[in-house]
PDB file of N, CA and C in Angstrom:
ATOM      1  N   UNK A   1       0.377 -13.176  -3.461  1.00  0.00           N
ATOM      2  CA  UNK A   1      -0.299 -12.376  -4.522  1.00  0.00           C
ATOM      3  C   UNK A   1      -0.430 -13.251  -5.755  1.00  0.00           C
ATOM      4  N   UNK A   2      -1.596 -13.210  -6.280  1.00  0.00           N
ATOM      5  CA  UNK A   2      -1.921 -13.968  -7.566  1.00  0.00           C
ATOM      6  C   UNK A   2      -1.344 -13.128  -8.694  1.00  0.00           C
ATOM      7  N   UNK A   3      -0.939 -13.680  -9.647  1.00  0.00           N
ATOM      8  CA  UNK A   3      -0.469 -13.064 -10.883  1.00  0.00           C
ATOM      9  C   UNK A   3      -1.178 -13.565 -12.110  1.00  0.00           C
ATOM     10  N   UNK A   4      -1.623 -12.637 -13.023  1.00  0.00           N
ATOM     11  CA  UNK A   4      -2.354 -12.997 -14.224  1.00  0.00           C
ATOM     12  C   UNK A   4      -2.120 -12.007 -15.257  1.00  0.00           C
ATOM     13  N   UNK A   5      -2.411 -12.299 -16.482  1.00  0.00           N
ATOM     14  CA  UNK A   5      -2.349 -11.266 -17.570  1.00  0.00           C
ATOM     15  C   UNK A   5      -3.767 -10.754 -17.853  1.00  0.00           C
ATOM     16  N   UNK A   6      -3.845  -9.583 -18.645  1.00  0.00           N
ATOM     17  CA  UNK A   6      -5.184  -9.018 -18.771  1.00  0.00           C
ATOM     18  C   UNK A   6      -6.155  -9.966 -19.453  1.00  0.00           C
ATOM     19  N   UNK A   7      -5.660 -10.771 -20.396  1.00  0.00           N
ATOM     20  CA  UNK A   7      -6.637 -11.712 -21.055  1.00  0.00           C
ATOM     21  C   UNK A   7      -7.202 -12.681 -20.086  1.00  0.00           C
ATOM     22  N   UNK A   8      -6.375 -13.286 -19.218  1.00  0.00           N
ATOM     23  CA  UNK A   8      -6.887 -14.222 -18.207  1.00  0.00           C
ATOM     24  C   UNK A   8      -7.752 -13.564 -17.161  1.00  0.00           C
ATOM     25  N   UNK A   9      -7.340 -12.322 -16.863  1.00  0.00           N
ATOM     26  CA  UNK A   9      -8.107 -11.531 -15.862  1.00  0.00           C
ATOM     27  C   UNK A   9      -9.556 -11.368 -16.416  1.00  0.00           C
ATOM     28  N   UNK A  10      -9.687 -10.977 -17.674  1.00  0.00           N
ATOM     29  CA  UNK A  10     -11.051 -10.734 -18.262  1.00  0.00           C
ATOM     30  C   UNK A  10     -11.789 -12.095 -18.217  1.00  0.00           C
ATOM     31  N   UNK A  11     -11.208 -13.203 -18.474  1.00  0.00           N
ATOM     32  CA  UNK A  11     -11.829 -14.541 -18.484  1.00  0.00           C
ATOM     33  C   UNK A  11     -12.302 -14.918 -17.065  1.00  0.00           C
ATOM     34  N   UNK A  12     -11.442 -14.541 -16.064  1.00  0.00           N
ATOM     35  CA  UNK A  12     -11.688 -15.079 -14.718  1.00  0.00           C
ATOM     36  C   UNK A  12     -12.033 -13.982 -13.758  1.00  0.00           C
ATOM     37  N   UNK A  13     -12.533 -12.833 -14.270  1.00  0.00           N
ATOM     38  CA  UNK A  13     -12.753 -11.670 -13.438  1.00  0.00           C
ATOM     39  C   UNK A  13     -13.600 -11.921 -12.192  1.00  0.00           C
ATOM     40  N   UNK A  14     -14.682 -12.623 -12.325  1.00  0.00           N
ATOM     41  CA  UNK A  14     -15.555 -12.788 -11.154  1.00  0.00           C
ATOM     42  C   UNK A  14     -14.828 -13.599 -10.074  1.00  0.00           C
ATOM     43  N   UNK A  15     -14.224 -14.691 -10.503  1.00  0.00           N
ATOM     44  CA  UNK A  15     -13.486 -15.546  -9.531  1.00  0.00           C
ATOM     45  C   UNK A  15     -12.357 -14.758  -8.870  1.00  0.00           C
ATOM     46  N   UNK A  16     -11.639 -14.012  -9.589  1.00  0.00           N
ATOM     47  CA  UNK A  16     -10.522 -13.253  -8.989  1.00  0.00           C
ATOM     48  C   UNK A  16     -11.007 -12.139  -8.073  1.00  0.00           C
ATOM     49  N   UNK A  17     -12.114 -11.490  -8.481  1.00  0.00           N
ATOM     50  CA  UNK A  17     -12.768 -10.475  -7.640  1.00  0.00           C
ATOM     51  C   UNK A  17     -13.231 -11.134  -6.311  1.00  0.00           C
ATOM     52  N   UNK A  18     -13.776 -12.261  -6.425  1.00  0.00           N
ATOM     53  CA  UNK A  18     -14.287 -13.032  -5.194  1.00  0.00           C
ATOM     54  C   UNK A  18     -13.109 -13.321  -4.257  1.00  0.00           C
ATOM     55  N   UNK A  19     -12.040 -13.879  -4.804  1.00  0.00           N
ATOM     56  CA  UNK A  19     -10.836 -14.192  -3.982  1.00  0.00           C
ATOM     57  C   UNK A  19     -10.297 -12.922  -3.270  1.00  0.00           C
ATOM     58  N   UNK A  20     -10.275 -11.849  -4.065  1.00  0.00           N
ATOM     59  CA  UNK A  20      -9.831 -10.565  -3.468  1.00  0.00           C
ATOM     60  C   UNK A  20     -10.643 -10.035  -2.395  1.00  0.00           C
ATOM     61  N   UNK A  21     -11.936 -10.147  -2.579  1.00  0.00           N
ATOM     62  CA  UNK A  21     -12.948  -9.576  -1.540  1.00  0.00           C
ATOM     63  C   UNK A  21     -12.978 -10.541  -0.327  1.00  0.00           C
ATOM     64  N   UNK A  22     -13.119 -11.759  -0.562  1.00  0.00           N
ATOM     65  CA  UNK A  22     -13.382 -12.760   0.491  1.00  0.00           C
ATOM     66  C   UNK A  22     -12.064 -13.056   1.296  1.00  0.00           C
ATOM     67  N   UNK A  23     -11.041 -13.136   0.634  1.00  0.00           N
ATOM     68  CA  UNK A  23      -9.777 -13.626   1.253  1.00  0.00           C
ATOM     69  C   UNK A  23      -8.685 -12.549   1.231  1.00  0.00           C
ATOM     70  N   UNK A  24      -8.906 -11.333   0.894  1.00  0.00           N
ATOM     71  CA  UNK A  24      -7.970 -10.228   0.862  1.00  0.00           C
ATOM     72  C   UNK A  24      -6.662 -10.676   0.060  1.00  0.00           C
ATOM     73  N   UNK A  25      -6.965 -11.441  -1.070  1.00  0.00           N
ATOM     74  CA  UNK A  25      -5.838 -11.837  -1.873  1.00  0.00           C
ATOM     75  C   UNK A  25      -5.618 -10.812  -3.012  1.00  0.00           C
ATOM     76  N   UNK A  26      -4.465 -10.138  -2.993  1.00  0.00           N
ATOM     77  CA  UNK A  26      -4.241  -9.237  -4.063  1.00  0.00           C
ATOM     78  C   UNK A  26      -3.978  -9.910  -5.417  1.00  0.00           C
ATOM     79  N   UNK A  27      -4.268  -9.208  -6.464  1.00  0.00           N
ATOM     80  CA  UNK A  27      -4.006  -9.842  -7.856  1.00  0.00           C
ATOM     81  C   UNK A  27      -3.171  -8.854  -8.592  1.00  0.00           C
ATOM     82  N   UNK A  28      -2.154  -9.263  -9.095  1.00  0.00           N
ATOM     83  CA  UNK A  28      -1.286  -8.450  -9.999  1.00  0.00           C
ATOM     84  C   UNK A  28      -1.726  -8.839 -11.441  1.00  0.00           C
ATOM     85  N   UNK A  29      -2.089  -7.779 -12.186  1.00  0.00           N
ATOM     86  CA  UNK A  29      -2.483  -7.954 -13.609  1.00  0.00           C
ATOM     87  C   UNK A  29      -1.427  -7.292 -14.484  1.00  0.00           C
ATOM     88  N   UNK A  30      -0.857  -8.182 -15.308  1.00  0.00           N
ATOM     89  CA  UNK A  30       0.265  -7.721 -16.203  1.00  0.00           C
ATOM     90  C   UNK A  30      -0.213  -7.437 -17.489  1.00  0.00           C
ATOM     91  N   UNK A  31       0.233  -6.333 -18.105  1.00  0.00           N
ATOM     92  CA  UNK A  31       0.046  -6.037 -19.505  1.00  0.00           C
ATOM     93  C   UNK A  31       1.296  -5.609 -20.178  1.00  0.00           C
ATOM     94  N   UNK A  32       1.250  -5.486 -21.554  1.00  0.00           N
ATOM     95  CA  UNK A  32       2.510  -4.986 -22.189  1.00  0.00           C
ATOM     96  C   UNK A  32       2.931  -3.500 -21.906  1.00  0.00           C
ATOM     97  N   UNK A  33       1.924  -2.797 -21.407  1.00  0.00           N
ATOM     98  CA  UNK A  33       2.142  -1.410 -21.060  1.00  0.00           C
ATOM     99  C   UNK A  33       2.483  -1.093 -19.617  1.00  0.00           C
ATOM    100  N   UNK A  34       2.363  -2.221 -18.696  1.00  0.00           N
ATOM    101  CA  UNK A  34       2.694  -2.089 -17.290  1.00  0.00           C
ATOM    102  C   UNK A  34       1.836  -2.951 -16.502  1.00  0.00           C
ATOM    103  N   UNK A  35       1.927  -2.858 -15.214  1.00  0.00           N
ATOM    104  CA  UNK A  35       1.146  -3.732 -14.313  1.00  0.00           C
ATOM    105  C   UNK A  35       0.172  -2.954 -13.437  1.00  0.00           C
ATOM    106  N   UNK A  36      -0.818  -3.679 -12.945  1.00  0.00           N
ATOM    107  CA  UNK A  36      -1.751  -3.103 -12.008  1.00  0.00           C
ATOM    108  C   UNK A  36      -1.969  -4.131 -10.858  1.00  0.00           C
ATOM    109  N   UNK A  37      -2.423  -3.637  -9.708  1.00  0.00           N
ATOM    110  CA  UNK A  37      -2.640  -4.544  -8.567  1.00  0.00           C
ATOM    111  C   UNK A  37      -4.129  -4.292  -8.100  1.00  0.00           C
ATOM    112  N   UNK A  38      -4.934  -5.260  -7.994  1.00  0.00           N
ATOM    113  CA  UNK A  38      -6.272  -5.221  -7.506  1.00  0.00           C
ATOM    114  C   UNK A  38      -6.238  -5.670  -6.041  1.00  0.00           C
ATOM    115  N   UNK A  39      -6.773  -4.795  -5.166  1.00  0.00           N
ATOM    116  CA  UNK A  39      -6.831  -5.169  -3.684  1.00  0.00           C
ATOM    117  C   UNK A  39      -8.215  -4.951  -3.254  1.00  0.00           C
ATOM    118  N   UNK A  40      -8.673  -5.636  -2.195  1.00  0.00           N
ATOM    119  CA  UNK A  40      -9.968  -5.362  -1.622  1.00  0.00           C
ATOM    120  C   UNK A  40     -10.142  -4.001  -1.071  1.00  0.00           C
ATOM    121  N   UNK A  41     -11.371  -3.545  -0.958  1.00  0.00           N
ATOM    122  CA  UNK A  41     -11.697  -2.213  -0.338  1.00  0.00           C
ATOM    123  C   UNK A  41     -11.162  -2.200   1.098  1.00  0.00           C
ATOM    124  N   UNK A  42     -11.274  -3.337   1.845  1.00  0.00           N
ATOM    125  CA  UNK A  42     -10.807  -3.358   3.234  1.00  0.00           C
ATOM    126  C   UNK A  42      -9.315  -3.103   3.235  1.00  0.00           C
ATOM    127  N   UNK A  43      -8.544  -3.790   2.441  1.00  0.00           N
ATOM    128  CA  UNK A  43      -7.118  -3.509   2.313  1.00  0.00           C
ATOM    129  C   UNK A  43      -6.796  -2.049   1.946  1.00  0.00           C
ATOM    130  N   UNK A  44      -7.505  -1.534   0.982  1.00  0.00           N
ATOM    131  CA  UNK A  44      -7.273  -0.171   0.457  1.00  0.00           C
ATOM    132  C   UNK A  44      -7.546   0.735   1.656  1.00  0.00           C
ATOM    133  N   UNK A  45      -8.657   0.672   2.398  1.00  0.00           N
ATOM    134  CA  UNK A  45      -8.953   1.477   3.442  1.00  0.00           C
ATOM    135  C   UNK A  45      -7.927   1.303   4.609  1.00  0.00           C
ATOM    136  N   UNK A  46      -7.358   0.160   4.783  1.00  0.00           N
ATOM    137  CA  UNK A  46      -6.213   0.049   5.751  1.00  0.00           C
ATOM    138  C   UNK A  46      -4.991   0.830   5.343  1.00  0.00           C
ATOM    139  N   UNK A  47      -4.704   0.701   4.071  1.00  0.00           N
ATOM    140  CA  UNK A  47      -3.544   1.451   3.536  1.00  0.00           C
ATOM    141  C   UNK A  47      -3.700   2.915   3.670  1.00  0.00           C
ATOM    142  N   UNK A  48      -4.894   3.465   3.348  1.00  0.00           N
ATOM    143  CA  UNK A  48      -5.161   4.868   3.514  1.00  0.00           C
ATOM    144  C   UNK A  48      -5.042   5.327   4.955  1.00  0.00           C
ATOM    145  N   UNK A  49      -5.647   4.531   5.831  1.00  0.00           N
ATOM    146  CA  UNK A  49      -5.499   4.840   7.294  1.00  0.00           C
ATOM    147  C   UNK A  49      -4.043   4.934   7.727  1.00  0.00           C
ATOM    148  N   UNK A  50      -3.305   3.901   7.365  1.00  0.00           N
ATOM    149  CA  UNK A  50      -1.841   3.840   7.711  1.00  0.00           C
ATOM    150  C   UNK A  50      -1.149   5.049   7.155  1.00  0.00           C
ATOM    151  N   UNK A  51      -1.365   5.451   5.913  1.00  0.00           N
ATOM    152  CA  UNK A  51      -0.732   6.585   5.302  1.00  0.00           C
ATOM    153  C   UNK A  51      -1.133   7.847   6.081  1.00  0.00           C
ATOM    154  N   UNK A  52      -2.357   8.041   6.421  1.00  0.00           N
ATOM    155  CA  UNK A  52      -2.838   9.145   7.262  1.00  0.00           C
ATOM    156  C   UNK A  52      -2.093   9.259   8.625  1.00  0.00           C
ATOM    157  N   UNK A  53      -2.122   8.094   9.318  1.00  0.00           N
ATOM    158  CA  UNK A  53      -1.567   8.096  10.607  1.00  0.00           C
ATOM    159  C   UNK A  53       0.009   8.359  10.557  1.00  0.00           C
ATOM    160  N   UNK A  54       0.660   7.862   9.535  1.00  0.00           N
ATOM    161  CA  UNK A  54       2.100   8.150   9.398  1.00  0.00           C
ATOM    162  C   UNK A  54       2.334   9.629   8.984  1.00  0.00           C
ATOM    163  N   UNK A  55       1.316  10.357   8.529  1.00  0.00           N
ATOM    164  CA  UNK A  55       1.491  11.775   8.154  1.00  0.00           C
ATOM    165  C   UNK A  55       1.361  12.722   9.396  1.00  0.00           C
ATOM    166  N   UNK A  56       0.805  12.208  10.408  1.00  0.00           N
ATOM    167  CA  UNK A  56       0.644  12.965  11.700  1.00  0.00           C
ATOM    168  C   UNK A  56       1.949  13.216  12.320  1.00  0.00           C
ATOM    169  N   UNK A  57       2.510  14.472  12.462  1.00  0.00           N
ATOM    170  CA  UNK A  57       3.866  14.560  13.005  1.00  0.00           C
ATOM    171  C   UNK A  57       3.965  14.047  14.388  1.00  0.00           C
ATOM    172  N   UNK A  58       5.045  13.256  14.507  1.00  0.00           N
ATOM    173  CA  UNK A  58       5.400  12.786  15.799  1.00  0.00           C
ATOM    174  C   UNK A  58       4.594  11.482  16.332  1.00  0.00           C
ATOM    175  N   UNK A  59       3.532  11.168  15.601  1.00  0.00           N
ATOM    176  CA  UNK A  59       2.723  10.053  16.085  1.00  0.00           C
ATOM    177  C   UNK A  59       3.481   8.704  15.977  1.00  0.00           C
ATOM    178  N   UNK A  60       4.194   8.431  14.981  1.00  0.00           N
ATOM    179  CA  UNK A  60       4.958   7.271  14.906  1.00  0.00           C
ATOM    180  C   UNK A  60       5.941   7.081  15.994  1.00  0.00           C
ATOM    181  N   UNK A  61       6.648   8.153  16.373  1.00  0.00           N
ATOM    182  CA  UNK A  61       7.622   8.141  17.426  1.00  0.00           C
ATOM    183  C   UNK A  61       6.979   7.784  18.783  1.00  0.00           C
ATOM    184  N   UNK A  62       5.838   8.490  18.985  1.00  0.00           N
ATOM    185  CA  UNK A  62       5.006   8.171  20.185  1.00  0.00           C
ATOM    186  C   UNK A  62       4.553   6.832  20.346  1.00  0.00           C
ATOM    187  N   UNK A  63       4.155   6.212  19.228  1.00  0.00           N
ATOM    188  CA  UNK A  63       3.709   4.847  19.298  1.00  0.00           C
ATOM    189  C   UNK A  63       4.871   3.909  19.607  1.00  0.00           C
ATOM    190  N   UNK A  64       6.065   4.153  18.964  1.00  0.00           N
ATOM    191  CA  UNK A  64       7.251   3.334  19.172  1.00  0.00           C
ATOM    192  C   UNK A  64       7.660   3.519  20.547  1.00  0.00           C
ATOM    193  N   UNK A  65       7.677   4.738  21.155  1.00  0.00           N
ATOM    194  CA  UNK A  65       8.119   4.901  22.567  1.00  0.00           C
ATOM    195  C   UNK A  65       7.242   4.183  23.516  1.00  0.00           C
ATOM    196  N   UNK A  66       5.831   4.268  23.246  1.00  0.00           N
ATOM    197  CA  UNK A  66       4.862   3.564  24.052  1.00  0.00           C
ATOM    198  C   UNK A  66       5.015   2.008  23.963  1.00  0.00           C
ATOM    199  N   UNK A  67       5.401   1.604  22.819  1.00  0.00           N
ATOM    200  CA  UNK A  67       5.573   0.056  22.651  1.00  0.00           C
ATOM    201  C   UNK A  67       6.762  -0.387  23.371  1.00  0.00           C
ATOM    202  N   UNK A  68       7.795   0.443  23.525  1.00  0.00           N
ATOM    203  CA  UNK A  68       8.987   0.077  24.253  1.00  0.00           C
ATOM    204  C   UNK A  68       8.933   0.172  25.815  1.00  0.00           C
ATOM    205  N   UNK A  69       7.820   0.905  26.261  1.00  0.00           N
ATOM    206  CA  UNK A  69       7.731   0.998  27.660  1.00  0.00           C
ATOM    207  C   UNK A  69       7.137  -0.199  28.334  1.00  0.00           C
ATOM    208  N   UNK A  70       7.798  -0.654  29.404  1.00  0.00           N
ATOM    209  CA  UNK A  70       7.342  -1.922  30.085  1.00  0.00           C
ATOM    210  C   UNK A  70       5.909  -1.740  30.567  1.00  0.00           C
ATOM    211  N   UNK A  71       5.114  -2.721  30.446  1.00  0.00           N
ATOM    212  CA  UNK A  71       3.683  -2.702  30.812  1.00  0.00           C
ATOM    213  C   UNK A  71       3.536  -2.269  32.334  1.00  0.00           C
ATOM    214  N   UNK A  72       4.462  -2.772  33.144  1.00  0.00           N
ATOM    215  CA  UNK A  72       4.370  -2.393  34.554  1.00  0.00           C
ATOM    216  C   UNK A  72       4.403  -0.894  34.850  1.00  0.00           C
ATOM    217  N   UNK A  73       5.063  -0.207  33.935  1.00  0.00           N
ATOM    218  CA  UNK A  73       5.274   1.287  34.136  1.00  0.00           C
ATOM    219  C   UNK A  73       4.150   2.098  33.566  1.00  0.00           C
ATOM    220  N   UNK A  74       3.212   1.379  32.949  1.00  0.00           N
ATOM    221  CA  UNK A  74       2.073   2.138  32.354  1.00  0.00           C
ATOM    222  C   UNK A  74       1.024   2.520  33.438  1.00  0.00           C
ATOM    223  N   UNK A  75       0.663   3.711  33.481  1.00  0.00           N
ATOM    224  CA  UNK A  75      -0.303   4.134  34.414  1.00  0.00           C
ATOM    225  C   UNK A  75      -1.458   4.789  33.733  1.00  0.00           C
ATOM    226  N   UNK A  76      -2.667   4.242  33.873  1.00  0.00           N
ATOM    227  CA  UNK A  76      -3.743   4.790  33.215  1.00  0.00           C
ATOM    228  C   UNK A  76      -4.118   6.198  33.711  1.00  0.00           C
ATOM    229  N   UNK A  77      -4.472   7.100  32.837  1.00  0.00           N
ATOM    230  CA  UNK A  77      -4.754   8.447  33.246  1.00  0.00           C
ATOM    231  C   UNK A  77      -6.150   8.540  33.951  1.00  0.00           C
ATOM    232  N   UNK A  78      -7.104   7.779  33.536  1.00  0.00           N
ATOM    233  CA  UNK A  78      -8.435   7.758  34.187  1.00  0.00           C
ATOM    234  C   UNK A  78      -8.856   6.183  34.191  1.00  0.00           C
ATOM    235  N   UNK A  79      -8.959   5.727  35.363  1.00  0.00           N
ATOM    236  CA  UNK A  79      -9.322   4.384  35.572  1.00  0.00           C
ATOM    237  C   UNK A  79     -10.808   4.258  35.209  1.00  0.00           C
ATOM    238  N   UNK A  80     -11.150   3.208  34.482  1.00  0.00           N
ATOM    239  CA  UNK A  80     -12.537   2.990  34.057  1.00  0.00           C
ATOM    240  C   UNK A  80     -13.131   1.904  34.985  1.00  0.00           C
ATOM    241  N   UNK A  81     -14.294   2.224  35.609  1.00  0.00           N
ATOM    242  CA  UNK A  81     -15.008   1.204  36.378  1.00  0.00           C
ATOM    243  C   UNK A  81     -16.000   0.632  35.470  1.00  0.00           C
ATOM    244  N   UNK A  82     -15.967  -0.677  35.482  1.00  0.00           N
ATOM    245  CA  UNK A  82     -16.967  -1.500  34.623  1.00  0.00           C
ATOM    246  C   UNK A  82     -18.195  -1.891  35.453  1.00  0.00           C
TER     247      UNK A  82
END
């Protein structure tokens, strides 16, 4: 994560935005009143999706149980013919 203060953020805003968007590099902006973090829209959408999926009752437990199941024991419900 890049760190900068509000003054430097204003001076370098385009460059910092470009790094955030192109390379998903978060930027922490510090001020005397507190801090903020700038993230890409892609990262934001990923966080929102993760929060939503974690809010579905039992879904995390099902995913963990499925991940622990040996691949040999997995049986597809409907086989797909390509």
